[in-house]
Amino acid sequence: MERSDSDASIRADDRAVAPVIGFILLFGILVIAFSGYQATAVPQQNAETEFQHYEDVQNDMTVVRNSISQAGQTNVSQFESIRIGTNYRKRILALNPPDPRGTLRTTDAYNIKIDGSGGSPQEIPTQFLEYRNDYNELDIGSIYYENSVVYLDERGEGGGLAVLDDQNLVPDGGGSARVTALQGEYEESSVGRVTVELYPAEAANLNLDDFDGQVTVDIPTRLTGEEYWDEELDGFDGYVGVELDAYATGVHQLTLEVDIDDLRFNTVGIDSVPEGDSSARQGVGPSPPSSTPSSGPAFDSLNIEVSKSPGGNDNIQQVRATGSVTDPDPDGEIQLQLFDSGTPFGENEVDMTSGFSVMTDPNSSNKQELSVTIRLLDSDGIEYQSCQSNDQVAVNNNLDLSDFDCN
């Protein structure tokens, strides 16, 4: 059968070939561009998220450090919130790895040893606190708290140490020592926030009252004298030195000599009150020791303003504290905290000035009532004054100083 001229013309018609080729080329360019975005831009943006979180968690660890000192030296329980993990930005087409978790945990326990004339040698267990990240892009070591020092430790990866917050074990000028033993097992791993509850010992089971005169205090530390303590305690007459690996490999012994009357010692439990026969307390409690500020800055006026979330409901969006402070400490800070049934939901701090304004939010969209605590702290995180609201605050229920219980 002969083919018609129309069949031949159909076979010869190539008018659709060019658009198809153009579409394929354009699609290929888009695939290549998207692959490049996935391979380079996404990791870079995720690294920025991780770096921002790491800066935030450094600040949170400093807050936890201050709270351990406050719980130990003022004998008042503290509650802090720390976001140990983070979330990458949401993406429509590109893919993210799993959100990075973080882990906050206590390490093995080692004994603080106290010995001197008049009393029997005492051993009080204490632990270090470690924050470890699980980032996908950044390779950064753990952050440690120990003996009031917060530092980044990359020695295991061939790096060094970076001190983020210096010790307040020996206050500036020396003469006394403030030691806080940290006890209790704690380990939390999350992409969100966890709460660190800190409780001072309710009863001292080990007796330090029999000591008379000078005592020797041996303290476990992961920092050598050359790395930190030699220079930091150079002006303190009671600094004896650091014995390497005295407790275990990498765990050294920091030795101080101090008069028993100048030793401020307490035991703080993480997540529970210290129990058993291993807690001790000396020179701390409801009556502040001489090294703890007992006078100085105080609130002269205080106002709390509560703003609500947009949308017509009564959920709290932000809490702002304003007021004035008498005799402000230029090295101190004003700390504002929000609580819901004892659980912290927001915190912020500003430098202490005579007139101040500090604000924070409850980190939640469904809180309609919260308790407020506002503190005046010295440079070591020790309280001058703490004020707790007598009642919970809500939208359109603003408070002044008369609505607070201050001590």
Protein backbone atom coordinates (compact mmCIF):
# COMPACT_ATOMS: atom_id res chain seq x y z
CA MET A 1 0.00 0.00 0.00
CA GLU A 2 1.36 3.33 -0.97
CA ARG A 3 1.87 5.97 1.74
CA SER A 4 0.02 9.16 1.26
CA ASP A 5 1.64 12.54 1.11
CA SER A 6 -0.09 13.48 4.40
CA ASP A 7 1.67 10.60 6.25
CA ALA A 8 5.01 11.77 4.97
CA SER A 9 4.34 15.32 6.00
CA ILE A 10 3.44 14.23 9.55
CA ARG A 11 6.68 12.25 9.84
CA ALA A 12 8.67 15.17 8.58
CA ASP A 13 7.04 17.69 10.98
CA ASP A 14 9.64 18.51 13.71
CA ARG A 15 8.10 21.70 15.02
CA ALA A 16 7.76 20.31 18.66
CA VAL A 17 11.37 19.12 18.95
CA ALA A 18 12.92 22.49 19.83
CA PRO A 19 10.52 23.28 22.73
CA VAL A 20 11.06 19.79 24.18
CA ILE A 21 14.82 20.17 24.01
CA GLY A 22 14.53 23.64 25.56
CA PHE A 23 12.42 22.27 28.39
CA ILE A 24 14.89 19.46 29.05
CA LEU A 25 17.80 21.91 29.12
CA LEU A 26 15.94 24.29 31.44
CA PHE A 27 14.94 21.43 33.71
CA GLY A 28 18.55 20.25 33.81
CA ILE A 29 19.73 23.74 34.77
CA LEU A 30 17.17 23.88 37.57
CA VAL A 31 18.23 20.45 38.85
CA ILE A 32 21.88 21.49 38.84
CA ALA A 33 21.06 24.79 40.60
CA PHE A 34 18.95 23.01 43.22
CA SER A 35 21.67 20.42 43.76
CA GLY A 36 24.16 23.23 44.32
CA TYR A 37 21.80 24.92 46.77
CA GLN A 38 21.28 21.65 48.64
CA ALA A 39 25.00 20.91 48.73
CA THR A 40 26.31 24.35 49.70
CA ALA A 41 23.67 26.86 50.82
CA VAL A 42 21.72 24.50 53.09
CA PRO A 43 24.80 23.36 55.10
CA GLN A 44 25.97 26.97 55.37
CA GLN A 45 22.59 28.16 56.68
CA ASN A 46 22.41 25.23 59.09
CA ALA A 47 25.91 26.04 60.33
CA GLU A 48 24.74 29.60 61.04
CA THR A 49 21.82 28.19 63.06
CA GLU A 50 24.18 25.95 65.02
CA PHE A 51 26.61 28.79 65.71
CA GLN A 52 23.83 31.07 66.97
CA HIS A 53 22.58 28.29 69.23
CA TYR A 54 26.07 27.66 70.55
CA GLU A 55 26.39 31.32 71.53
CA ASP A 56 23.01 31.09 73.27
CA VAL A 57 23.92 27.92 75.16
CA GLN A 58 27.15 29.54 76.40
CA ASN A 59 25.01 32.27 77.98
CA ASP A 60 22.63 29.65 79.41
CA MET A 61 25.53 27.74 80.97
CA THR A 62 26.71 30.97 82.60
CA VAL A 63 23.21 31.44 84.04
CA VAL A 64 23.27 27.87 85.38
CA ARG A 65 26.70 28.56 86.90
CA ASN A 66 25.37 31.67 88.64
CA SER A 67 22.37 29.73 89.94
CA ILE A 68 24.59 27.01 91.40
CA SER A 69 26.52 29.74 93.22
CA GLN A 70 23.29 31.39 94.40
CA ALA A 71 21.82 28.11 95.64
CA GLY A 72 25.04 27.30 97.45
CA GLN A 73 25.90 30.66 98.96
CA THR A 74 22.40 32.00 99.74
CA ASN A 75 20.93 28.57 100.59
CA VAL A 76 17.91 29.23 98.35
CA SER A 77 16.68 26.82 95.65
CA GLN A 78 17.10 27.94 92.04
CA PHE A 79 15.40 26.88 88.81
CA GLU A 80 16.91 27.54 85.39
CA SER A 81 15.94 26.71 81.82
CA ILE A 82 18.50 25.91 79.14
CA ARG A 83 17.83 25.09 75.50
CA ILE A 84 20.29 22.30 74.80
CA GLY A 85 19.24 21.62 71.19
CA THR A 86 17.95 23.68 68.28
CA ASN A 87 15.80 23.53 65.13
CA TYR A 88 16.89 24.27 61.59
CA ARG A 89 14.82 26.65 59.51
CA LYS A 90 11.83 25.14 57.74
CA ARG A 91 12.26 24.35 54.03
CA ILE A 92 9.73 23.72 51.27
CA LEU A 93 11.91 21.81 48.80
CA ALA A 94 15.42 21.43 50.24
CA LEU A 95 16.12 18.76 52.84
CA ASN A 96 17.54 19.17 56.35
CA PRO A 97 19.35 16.58 58.43
CA PRO A 98 17.70 15.77 61.79
CA ASP A 99 17.57 18.72 64.19
CA PRO A 100 20.67 18.63 66.41
CA ARG A 101 20.16 17.43 69.95
CA GLY A 102 22.21 18.45 72.92
CA THR A 103 23.04 16.59 76.11
CA LEU A 104 23.49 18.05 79.58
CA ARG A 105 24.84 15.63 82.16
CA THR A 106 26.78 15.26 85.37
CA THR A 107 30.07 13.39 85.28
CA ASP A 108 31.62 10.92 87.71
CA ALA A 109 31.86 12.07 91.33
CA TYR A 110 35.13 12.92 93.09
CA ASN A 111 35.61 13.95 96.71
CA ILE A 112 36.33 17.40 98.07
CA LYS A 113 38.59 16.78 101.08
CA ILE A 114 38.72 19.04 104.12
CA ASP A 115 41.26 18.52 106.90
CA GLY A 116 42.68 20.57 109.74
CA SER A 117 43.14 20.78 113.48
CA GLY A 118 40.26 20.02 115.83
CA GLY A 119 38.11 18.03 113.41
CA SER A 120 38.06 14.72 111.61
CA PRO A 121 38.94 14.70 107.89
CA GLN A 122 35.82 15.04 105.77
CA GLU A 123 35.11 13.98 102.18
CA ILE A 124 32.20 15.49 100.23
CA PRO A 125 31.47 14.14 96.71
CA THR A 126 31.12 16.64 93.89
CA GLN A 127 30.65 16.43 90.13
CA PHE A 128 31.32 18.39 86.98
CA LEU A 129 28.51 19.40 84.62
CA GLU A 130 29.04 18.83 80.88
CA TYR A 131 27.11 20.17 77.89
CA ARG A 132 27.76 18.24 74.68
CA ASN A 133 26.28 19.21 71.31
CA ASP A 134 25.36 16.93 68.41
CA TYR A 135 25.69 19.41 65.56
CA ASN A 136 25.73 18.21 61.95
CA GLU A 137 27.89 21.01 60.52
CA LEU A 138 30.07 22.49 63.28
CA ASP A 139 32.73 20.56 65.16
CA ILE A 140 32.84 22.18 68.62
CA GLY A 141 33.84 20.58 71.90
CA SER A 142 31.97 20.28 75.19
CA ILE A 143 31.25 23.09 77.64
CA TYR A 144 32.03 22.27 81.27
CA TYR A 145 31.04 23.76 84.60
CA GLU A 146 33.31 23.06 87.53
CA ASN A 147 34.15 24.96 90.70
CA SER A 148 32.33 28.07 89.42
CA VAL A 149 34.31 28.09 86.12
CA VAL A 150 32.61 27.66 82.72
CA TYR A 151 34.89 26.74 79.84
CA LEU A 152 35.00 25.23 76.35
CA ASP A 153 37.20 22.14 76.26
CA GLU A 154 38.62 20.93 72.94
CA ARG A 155 41.74 19.26 74.32
CA GLY A 156 40.44 15.84 73.29
CA GLU A 157 40.28 17.01 69.67
CA GLY A 158 43.78 18.46 69.70
CA GLY A 159 42.62 21.96 70.59
CA GLY A 160 42.78 23.92 73.80
CA LEU A 161 40.67 25.61 76.47
CA ALA A 162 38.60 28.78 76.29
CA VAL A 163 37.32 30.11 79.60
CA LEU A 164 33.81 31.53 79.16
CA ASP A 165 33.22 32.65 82.76
CA ASP A 166 35.90 32.94 85.43
CA GLN A 167 35.85 31.45 88.90
CA ASN A 168 34.22 32.95 91.97
CA LEU A 169 35.72 30.25 94.17
CA VAL A 170 38.00 32.93 95.61
CA PRO A 171 36.51 36.45 95.42
CA ASP A 172 38.63 39.33 94.20
CA GLY A 173 41.08 40.26 96.94
CA GLY A 174 41.13 36.76 98.42
CA GLY A 175 40.91 36.08 102.12
CA SER A 176 37.99 33.68 101.85
CA ALA A 177 36.84 30.75 99.73
CA ARG A 178 33.32 29.91 98.49
CA VAL A 179 33.04 26.21 97.65
CA THR A 180 29.88 24.53 96.35
CA ALA A 181 29.70 20.75 95.97
CA LEU A 182 27.35 19.64 93.17
CA GLN A 183 25.67 16.28 93.74
CA GLY A 184 23.06 14.10 92.05
CA GLU A 185 22.83 12.22 88.77
CA TYR A 186 21.46 14.24 85.87
CA GLU A 187 21.31 13.56 82.13
CA GLU A 188 18.94 15.11 79.62
CA SER A 189 19.11 14.95 75.82
CA SER A 190 16.75 17.09 73.74
CA VAL A 191 16.34 19.49 70.82
CA GLY A 192 14.39 21.83 73.09
CA ARG A 193 14.61 23.25 76.58
CA VAL A 194 15.29 21.40 79.82
CA THR A 195 14.92 22.67 83.37
CA VAL A 196 17.78 22.49 85.85
CA GLU A 197 16.51 22.43 89.44
CA LEU A 198 19.07 23.22 92.13
CA TYR A 199 18.40 22.49 95.80
CA PRO A 200 20.76 23.33 98.69
CA ALA A 201 21.26 20.76 101.43
CA GLU A 202 18.46 20.83 103.99
CA ALA A 203 20.69 19.33 106.67
CA ALA A 204 24.47 19.05 106.82
CA ASN A 205 25.33 15.42 107.49
CA LEU A 206 29.08 15.98 107.69
CA ASN A 207 30.40 18.16 110.50
CA LEU A 208 32.75 21.06 109.75
CA ASP A 209 32.08 22.91 113.01
CA ASP A 210 34.81 21.12 114.96
CA PHE A 211 37.63 22.50 112.83
CA ASP A 212 39.62 25.27 114.43
CA GLY A 213 41.88 27.68 112.60
CA GLN A 214 43.35 26.88 109.22
CA VAL A 215 42.02 24.01 107.12
CA THR A 216 43.27 22.44 103.90
CA VAL A 217 40.68 22.05 101.14
CA ASP A 218 41.45 19.68 98.26
CA ILE A 219 39.13 20.15 95.28
CA PRO A 220 38.90 18.01 92.10
CA THR A 221 39.46 19.93 88.88
CA ARG A 222 39.95 19.21 85.18
CA LEU A 223 42.07 22.37 84.83
CA THR A 224 45.77 22.32 85.57
CA GLY A 225 47.64 25.08 87.33
CA GLU A 226 49.44 26.03 84.12
CA GLU A 227 46.20 26.12 82.13
CA TYR A 228 44.25 28.26 84.57
CA TRP A 229 44.67 28.21 88.35
CA ASP A 230 48.25 29.52 88.69
CA GLU A 231 47.45 32.82 87.04
CA GLU A 232 43.86 33.10 88.28
CA LEU A 233 44.77 32.61 91.97
CA ASP A 234 48.16 34.29 91.83
CA GLY A 235 47.16 36.98 94.36
CA PHE A 236 45.56 34.57 96.86
CA ASP A 237 47.86 33.63 99.75
CA GLY A 238 45.89 30.45 100.40
CA TYR A 239 46.59 28.96 96.96
CA VAL A 240 48.88 25.95 97.40
CA GLY A 241 48.87 24.54 93.86
CA VAL A 242 47.51 21.78 91.63
CA GLU A 243 48.63 18.16 91.80
CA LEU A 244 48.26 16.51 88.41
CA ASP A 245 46.12 13.38 88.01
CA ALA A 246 45.62 13.10 91.78
CA TYR A 247 42.08 11.72 91.41
CA ALA A 248 42.23 10.09 87.99
CA THR A 249 43.84 10.67 84.61
CA GLY A 250 42.89 14.21 83.67
CA VAL A 251 41.31 14.95 87.08
CA HIS A 252 43.69 16.97 89.23
CA GLN A 253 43.73 18.24 92.81
CA LEU A 254 43.44 21.95 93.53
CA THR A 255 44.59 22.71 97.09
CA LEU A 256 43.64 25.78 99.12
CA GLU A 257 44.44 26.73 102.70
CA VAL A 258 41.97 29.01 104.44
CA ASP A 259 40.76 29.79 107.95
CA ILE A 260 37.63 27.80 108.76
CA ASP A 261 35.80 31.05 109.56
CA ASP A 262 36.51 32.24 106.00
CA LEU A 263 35.27 29.06 104.33
CA ARG A 264 31.79 29.32 102.81
CA PHE A 265 30.80 25.77 101.93
CA ASN A 266 27.52 24.24 100.82
CA THR A 267 26.21 21.20 99.01
CA VAL A 268 23.74 21.61 96.14
CA GLY A 269 21.72 18.82 94.57
CA ILE A 270 20.74 18.87 90.92
CA ASP A 271 17.10 17.80 90.44
CA SER A 272 16.77 16.76 94.11
CA VAL A 273 17.85 17.74 97.60
CA PRO A 274 21.23 16.18 98.52
CA GLU A 275 20.59 12.98 100.45
CA GLY A 276 22.62 10.45 102.36
CA ASP A 277 25.59 11.15 104.60
CA SER A 278 27.69 13.17 102.16
CA SER A 279 26.48 16.78 102.44
CA ALA A 280 28.18 19.59 104.36
CA ARG A 281 27.50 23.25 105.06
CA GLN A 282 29.62 25.97 106.62
CA GLY A 283 29.12 29.73 106.87
CA VAL A 284 26.07 29.95 104.59
CA GLY A 285 22.35 30.05 105.19
CA PRO A 286 19.56 32.50 105.85
CA SER A 287 22.02 34.92 107.45
CA PRO A 288 24.45 35.81 104.66
CA PRO A 289 28.18 35.32 105.37
CA SER A 290 30.45 38.31 105.43
CA SER A 291 31.61 37.63 101.85
CA THR A 292 28.03 37.69 100.56
CA PRO A 293 26.53 41.13 99.96
CA SER A 294 24.23 41.90 102.89
CA SER A 295 23.66 45.54 102.01
CA GLY A 296 24.03 47.73 98.99
CA PRO A 297 21.79 47.92 95.92
CA ALA A 298 18.05 47.63 96.52
CA PHE A 299 14.92 48.31 94.53
CA ASP A 300 13.57 51.80 95.14
CA SER A 301 10.67 51.35 92.73
CA LEU A 302 9.43 48.49 90.58
CA ASN A 303 6.69 48.22 87.97
CA ILE A 304 5.62 45.16 85.99
CA GLU A 305 3.74 45.62 82.72
CA VAL A 306 2.18 42.66 80.92
CA SER A 307 1.30 42.75 77.22
CA LYS A 308 -0.95 40.22 75.55
CA SER A 309 -0.55 38.23 72.37
CA PRO A 310 -2.22 39.57 69.21
CA GLY A 311 -5.46 37.92 68.24
CA GLY A 312 -7.81 39.06 70.98
CA ASN A 313 -7.01 36.38 73.60
CA ASP A 314 -5.50 36.93 77.04
CA ASN A 315 -2.29 34.97 76.52
CA ILE A 316 0.88 36.71 77.72
CA GLN A 317 3.28 37.82 75.02
CA GLN A 318 5.78 39.84 77.04
CA VAL A 319 6.57 40.99 80.59
CA ARG A 320 8.50 44.22 81.15
CA ALA A 321 9.98 45.38 84.47
CA THR A 322 10.92 49.03 84.96
CA GLY A 323 11.98 50.95 88.03
CA SER A 324 14.94 52.36 89.93
CA VAL A 325 17.73 50.98 92.12
CA THR A 326 19.46 52.72 95.01
CA ASP A 327 23.28 52.48 95.10
CA PRO A 328 23.57 50.36 91.89
CA ASP A 329 26.57 48.08 91.40
CA PRO A 330 28.21 48.96 88.04
CA ASP A 331 29.48 45.37 87.75
CA GLY A 332 26.18 43.77 88.75
CA GLU A 333 23.04 42.90 86.82
CA ILE A 334 19.26 42.89 87.13
CA GLN A 335 17.67 39.52 86.34
CA LEU A 336 14.00 39.03 85.45
CA GLN A 337 12.52 35.53 85.59
CA LEU A 338 9.06 34.13 84.85
CA PHE A 339 7.71 30.96 86.50
CA ASP A 340 4.64 28.77 86.06
CA SER A 341 4.10 26.49 89.07
CA GLY A 342 7.80 26.66 89.86
CA THR A 343 8.92 25.94 86.29
CA PRO A 344 10.86 28.74 84.53
CA PHE A 345 9.38 29.96 81.25
CA GLY A 346 11.48 32.99 80.43
CA GLU A 347 14.49 34.92 81.64
CA ASN A 348 16.51 38.00 80.75
CA GLU A 349 19.06 40.24 82.43
CA VAL A 350 20.51 43.72 81.97
CA ASP A 351 23.39 45.65 83.52
CA MET A 352 22.50 47.24 86.83
CA THR A 353 21.83 50.98 86.62
CA SER A 354 19.89 53.41 88.78
CA GLY A 355 17.01 53.44 86.28
CA PHE A 356 16.35 50.20 84.41
CA SER A 357 14.10 48.44 81.94
CA VAL A 358 14.24 44.71 81.30
CA MET A 359 11.80 42.53 79.40
CA THR A 360 11.30 38.87 78.59
CA ASP A 361 8.65 36.54 77.21
CA PRO A 362 7.29 33.24 78.54
CA ASN A 363 8.63 31.23 75.56
CA SER A 364 5.11 29.90 75.10
CA SER A 365 1.96 31.12 73.40
CA ASN A 366 -0.60 29.80 75.90
CA LYS A 367 0.36 31.26 79.28
CA GLN A 368 -2.26 33.50 80.87
CA GLU A 369 -0.80 33.71 84.40
CA LEU A 370 2.82 33.64 85.55
CA SER A 371 4.82 34.42 88.67
CA VAL A 372 7.61 37.00 88.47
CA THR A 373 10.97 37.07 90.25
CA ILE A 374 13.42 39.95 89.84
CA ARG A 375 16.89 39.95 91.38
CA LEU A 376 19.82 42.27 91.95
CA LEU A 377 23.06 40.31 91.55
CA ASP A 378 26.72 41.14 92.03
CA SER A 379 29.38 40.27 89.43
CA ASP A 380 29.65 36.72 90.84
CA GLY A 381 25.91 36.08 90.64
CA ILE A 382 25.32 36.48 94.39
CA GLU A 383 22.13 38.24 95.39
CA TYR A 384 21.87 41.69 96.87
CA GLN A 385 18.09 41.46 96.82
CA SER A 386 15.42 39.15 95.43
CA CYS A 387 11.74 40.05 94.97
CA GLN A 388 9.00 37.50 94.22
CA SER A 389 5.48 38.50 93.20
CA ASN A 390 2.88 37.72 95.86
CA ASP A 391 0.36 36.79 93.18
CA GLN A 392 0.57 35.65 89.59
CA VAL A 393 0.56 38.33 86.91
CA ALA A 394 -1.83 38.35 83.97
CA VAL A 395 -2.75 40.69 81.14
CA ASN A 396 -4.07 44.02 82.48
CA ASN A 397 -2.96 43.10 86.01
CA ASN A 398 0.23 45.13 86.37
CA LEU A 399 2.21 45.21 89.63
CA ASP A 400 4.31 47.65 91.63
CA LEU A 401 6.85 47.15 94.44
CA SER A 402 4.12 46.72 97.07
CA ASP A 403 2.97 43.55 95.24
CA PHE A 404 6.33 41.83 95.80
CA ASP A 405 7.90 39.99 98.72
CA CYS A 406 11.54 41.18 98.85
CA ASN A 407 14.43 39.95 100.97
